[in-house]
Structure formats: structure tokens, C-alpha cells
PDB file of N, CA and C in Angstrom:
ATOM      1  N   MET A   1      16.762  18.678   4.571  1.00  0.00           N
ATOM      2  CA  MET A   1      16.475  19.812   3.735  1.00  0.00           C
ATOM      3  C   MET A   1      15.065  20.313   4.037  1.00  0.00           C
ATOM      4  N   TYR A   2      14.893  21.572   4.139  1.00  0.00           N
ATOM      5  CA  TYR A   2      13.587  22.153   4.457  1.00  0.00           C
ATOM      6  C   TYR A   2      12.853  22.559   3.190  1.00  0.00           C
ATOM      7  N   CYS A   3      11.591  22.167   3.119  1.00  0.00           N
ATOM      8  CA  CYS A   3      10.710  22.609   2.040  1.00  0.00           C
ATOM      9  C   CYS A   3       9.503  23.274   2.678  1.00  0.00           C
ATOM     10  N   ALA A   4       9.181  24.455   2.218  1.00  0.00           N
ATOM     11  CA  ALA A   4       8.070  25.211   2.796  1.00  0.00           C
ATOM     12  C   ALA A   4       6.762  24.449   2.686  1.00  0.00           C
ATOM     13  N   ASN A   5       5.928  24.558   3.718  1.00  0.00           N
ATOM     14  CA  ASN A   5       4.572  24.006   3.741  1.00  0.00           C
ATOM     15  C   ASN A   5       4.510  22.480   3.672  1.00  0.00           C
ATOM     16  N   THR A   6       5.558  21.780   4.111  1.00  0.00           N
ATOM     17  CA  THR A   6       5.532  20.316   4.055  1.00  0.00           C
ATOM     18  C   THR A   6       5.706  19.668   5.420  1.00  0.00           C
ATOM     19  N   MET A   7       5.853  20.452   6.460  1.00  0.00           N
ATOM     20  CA  MET A   7       6.111  19.897   7.779  1.00  0.00           C
ATOM     21  C   MET A   7       4.983  18.977   8.246  1.00  0.00           C
ATOM     22  N   GLU A   8       3.747  19.346   7.997  1.00  0.00           N
ATOM     23  CA  GLU A   8       2.602  18.529   8.395  1.00  0.00           C
ATOM     24  C   GLU A   8       2.643  17.166   7.704  1.00  0.00           C
ATOM     25  N   LEU A   9       2.941  17.149   6.435  1.00  0.00           N
ATOM     26  CA  LEU A   9       3.039  15.901   5.676  1.00  0.00           C
ATOM     27  C   LEU A   9       4.199  15.048   6.185  1.00  0.00           C
ATOM     28  N   GLU A  10       5.326  15.675   6.430  1.00  0.00           N
ATOM     29  CA  GLU A  10       6.484  14.940   6.944  1.00  0.00           C
ATOM     30  C   GLU A  10       6.194  14.327   8.309  1.00  0.00           C
ATOM     31  N   THR A  11       5.541  15.081   9.169  1.00  0.00           N
ATOM     32  CA  THR A  11       5.196  14.581  10.499  1.00  0.00           C
ATOM     33  C   THR A  11       4.262  13.377  10.403  1.00  0.00           C
ATOM     34  N   ALA A  12       3.254  13.444   9.544  1.00  0.00           N
ATOM     35  CA  ALA A  12       2.321  12.329   9.363  1.00  0.00           C
ATOM     36  C   ALA A  12       3.041  11.102   8.798  1.00  0.00           C
ATOM     37  N   PHE A  13       3.941  11.317   7.862  1.00  0.00           N
ATOM     38  CA  PHE A  13       4.700  10.220   7.261  1.00  0.00           C
ATOM     39  C   PHE A  13       5.583   9.533   8.308  1.00  0.00           C
ATOM     40  N   LEU A  14       6.297  10.305   9.105  1.00  0.00           N
ATOM     41  CA  LEU A  14       7.168   9.733  10.130  1.00  0.00           C
ATOM     42  C   LEU A  14       6.366   9.011  11.212  1.00  0.00           C
ATOM     43  N   LYS A  15       5.175   9.524  11.543  1.00  0.00           N
ATOM     44  CA  LYS A  15       4.315   8.842  12.514  1.00  0.00           C
ATOM     45  C   LYS A  15       3.851   7.506  11.951  1.00  0.00           C
ATOM     46  N   ALA A  16       3.456   7.476  10.676  1.00  0.00           N
ATOM     47  CA  ALA A  16       3.024   6.218  10.049  1.00  0.00           C
ATOM     48  C   ALA A  16       4.157   5.203  10.058  1.00  0.00           C
ATOM     49  N   LEU A  17       5.363   5.642   9.782  1.00  0.00           N
ATOM     50  CA  LEU A  17       6.502   4.723   9.810  1.00  0.00           C
ATOM     51  C   LEU A  17       6.741   4.171  11.202  1.00  0.00           C
ATOM     52  N   SER A  18       6.633   5.014  12.216  1.00  0.00           N
ATOM     53  CA  SER A  18       6.884   4.541  13.576  1.00  0.00           C
ATOM     54  C   SER A  18       5.759   3.654  14.092  1.00  0.00           C
ATOM     55  N   ASP A  19       4.531   3.856  13.625  1.00  0.00           N
ATOM     56  CA  ASP A  19       3.389   3.049  14.052  1.00  0.00           C
ATOM     57  C   ASP A  19       3.238   1.761  13.242  1.00  0.00           C
ATOM     58  N   CYS A  20       3.988   1.634  12.165  1.00  0.00           N
ATOM     59  CA  CYS A  20       3.857   0.491  11.264  1.00  0.00           C
ATOM     60  C   CYS A  20       4.357  -0.795  11.923  1.00  0.00           C
ATOM     61  N   LYS A  21       3.502  -1.815  11.892  1.00  0.00           N
ATOM     62  CA  LYS A  21       3.866  -3.131  12.418  1.00  0.00           C
ATOM     63  C   LYS A  21       3.777  -4.209  11.348  1.00  0.00           C
ATOM     64  N   GLU A  22       3.203  -3.873  10.186  1.00  0.00           N
ATOM     65  CA  GLU A  22       3.031  -4.836   9.102  1.00  0.00           C
ATOM     66  C   GLU A  22       2.995  -4.087   7.775  1.00  0.00           C
ATOM     67  N   VAL A  23       3.534  -4.710   6.743  1.00  0.00           N
ATOM     68  CA  VAL A  23       3.447  -4.134   5.400  1.00  0.00           C
ATOM     69  C   VAL A  23       2.759  -5.132   4.481  1.00  0.00           C
ATOM     70  N   SER A  24       2.090  -4.601   3.483  1.00  0.00           N
ATOM     71  CA  SER A  24       1.386  -5.426   2.514  1.00  0.00           C
ATOM     72  C   SER A  24       1.624  -4.827   1.139  1.00  0.00           C
ATOM     73  N   VAL A  25       2.006  -5.679   0.189  1.00  0.00           N
ATOM     74  CA  VAL A  25       2.218  -5.227  -1.183  1.00  0.00           C
ATOM     75  C   VAL A  25       1.290  -6.011  -2.098  1.00  0.00           C
ATOM     76  N   THR A  26       0.491  -5.287  -2.864  1.00  0.00           N
ATOM     77  CA  THR A  26      -0.395  -5.893  -3.850  1.00  0.00           C
ATOM     78  C   THR A  26      -0.216  -5.128  -5.148  1.00  0.00           C
ATOM     79  N   GLY A  27       0.324  -5.793  -6.153  1.00  0.00           N
ATOM     80  CA  GLY A  27       0.596  -5.101  -7.417  1.00  0.00           C
ATOM     81  C   GLY A  27       1.554  -3.960  -7.185  1.00  0.00           C
ATOM     82  N   ASN A  28       1.117  -2.744  -7.503  1.00  0.00           N
ATOM     83  CA  ASN A  28       1.973  -1.570  -7.315  1.00  0.00           C
ATOM     84  C   ASN A  28       1.544  -0.722  -6.108  1.00  0.00           C
ATOM     85  N   THR A  29       0.849  -1.371  -5.153  1.00  0.00           N
ATOM     86  CA  THR A  29       0.363  -0.669  -3.966  1.00  0.00           C
ATOM     87  C   THR A  29       1.022  -1.222  -2.704  1.00  0.00           C
ATOM     88  N   LEU A  30       1.573  -0.330  -1.896  1.00  0.00           N
ATOM     89  CA  LEU A  30       2.182  -0.664  -0.618  1.00  0.00           C
ATOM     90  C   LEU A  30       1.300  -0.103   0.487  1.00  0.00           C
ATOM     91  N   GLN A  31       0.942  -0.942   1.450  1.00  0.00           N
ATOM     92  CA  GLN A  31       0.148  -0.489   2.581  1.00  0.00           C
ATOM     93  C   GLN A  31       0.922  -0.720   3.868  1.00  0.00           C
ATOM     94  N   LEU A  32       0.912   0.287   4.737  1.00  0.00           N
ATOM     95  CA  LEU A  32       1.483   0.169   6.070  1.00  0.00           C
ATOM     96  C   LEU A  32       0.319  -0.029   7.026  1.00  0.00           C
ATOM     97  N   LYS A  33       0.467  -1.006   7.945  1.00  0.00           N
ATOM     98  CA  LYS A  33      -0.619  -1.308   8.868  1.00  0.00           C
ATOM     99  C   LYS A  33      -0.119  -1.230  10.300  1.00  0.00           C
ATOM    100  N   ASN A  34      -1.023  -0.856  11.200  1.00  0.00           N
ATOM    101  CA  ASN A  34      -0.664  -0.745  12.617  1.00  0.00           C
ATOM    102  C   ASN A  34      -0.879  -2.090  13.316  1.00  0.00           C
ATOM    103  N   GLU A  35      -0.730  -2.111  14.651  1.00  0.00           N
ATOM    104  CA  GLU A  35      -0.865  -3.342  15.424  1.00  0.00           C
ATOM    105  C   GLU A  35      -2.240  -3.979  15.284  1.00  0.00           C
ATOM    106  N   GLU A  36      -3.276  -3.172  15.078  1.00  0.00           N
ATOM    107  CA  GLU A  36      -4.638  -3.675  14.943  1.00  0.00           C
ATOM    108  C   GLU A  36      -4.949  -4.154  13.523  1.00  0.00           C
ATOM    109  N   GLY A  37      -3.997  -4.009  12.613  1.00  0.00           N
ATOM    110  CA  GLY A  37      -4.208  -4.412  11.230  1.00  0.00           C
ATOM    111  C   GLY A  37      -4.879  -3.364  10.367  1.00  0.00           C
ATOM    112  N   GLN A  38      -5.065  -2.159  10.924  1.00  0.00           N
ATOM    113  CA  GLN A  38      -5.677  -1.070  10.167  1.00  0.00           C
ATOM    114  C   GLN A  38      -4.638  -0.428   9.255  1.00  0.00           C
ATOM    115  N   THR A  39      -5.041  -0.094   8.052  1.00  0.00           N
ATOM    116  CA  THR A  39      -4.160   0.588   7.121  1.00  0.00           C
ATOM    117  C   THR A  39      -3.963   2.025   7.584  1.00  0.00           C
ATOM    118  N   ILE A  40      -2.704   2.414   7.770  1.00  0.00           N
ATOM    119  CA  ILE A  40      -2.404   3.765   8.236  1.00  0.00           C
ATOM    120  C   ILE A  40      -1.750   4.614   7.143  1.00  0.00           C
ATOM    121  N   ALA A  41      -1.298   3.956   6.073  1.00  0.00           N
ATOM    122  CA  ALA A  41      -0.733   4.696   4.938  1.00  0.00           C
ATOM    123  C   ALA A  41      -0.774   3.789   3.712  1.00  0.00           C
ATOM    124  N   THR A  42      -1.043   4.387   2.573  1.00  0.00           N
ATOM    125  CA  THR A  42      -1.076   3.662   1.304  1.00  0.00           C
ATOM    126  C   THR A  42      -0.246   4.435   0.291  1.00  0.00           C
ATOM    127  N   PHE A  43       0.617   3.696  -0.404  1.00  0.00           N
ATOM    128  CA  PHE A  43       1.454   4.291  -1.441  1.00  0.00           C
ATOM    129  C   PHE A  43       1.211   3.530  -2.737  1.00  0.00           C
ATOM    130  N   LYS A  44       0.988   4.261  -3.816  1.00  0.00           N
ATOM    131  CA  LYS A  44       0.759   3.641  -5.113  1.00  0.00           C
ATOM    132  C   LYS A  44       1.881   4.030  -6.054  1.00  0.00           C
ATOM    133  N   GLY A  45       2.440   3.015  -6.713  1.00  0.00           N
ATOM    134  CA  GLY A  45       3.490   3.252  -7.692  1.00  0.00           C
ATOM    135  C   GLY A  45       2.908   3.626  -9.043  1.00  0.00           C
ATOM    136  N   PHE A  46       3.769   4.013  -9.928  1.00  0.00           N
ATOM    137  CA  PHE A  46       3.355   4.358 -11.283  1.00  0.00           C
ATOM    138  C   PHE A  46       3.271   3.093 -12.114  1.00  0.00           C
ATOM    139  N   ASP A  47       2.333   3.076 -13.024  1.00  0.00           N
ATOM    140  CA  ASP A  47       2.204   1.925 -13.940  1.00  0.00           C
ATOM    141  C   ASP A  47       3.250   2.000 -15.017  1.00  0.00           C
TER     142      ASP A  47
END
């Protein structure tokens, strides 16, 4: 489904998923990390 003005965000999200080699969950926070262990995306859940 296409949503206007979101292509840049979608592209960054898909790149983070493809570059992800490790995940870390702490409380309600999910971090995606690359091969070097650098955080490439952070997602926070609702309390």
C-alpha cells in the first residue's frame, strides 16, 4: 500500500532490517545492531 511522503522512511527501515545481525531487547526497547555491534535502529514500545 502506498502512503504519500513515506518512501524515505520505508527505505531506511528496510535497510536496517537487511543490515541487522543482532537484536537486543531491554524492557520495552528493541534495538537492531549491525555486524560491528552498532545500533542501527531503536524501537520503543508503549508503557
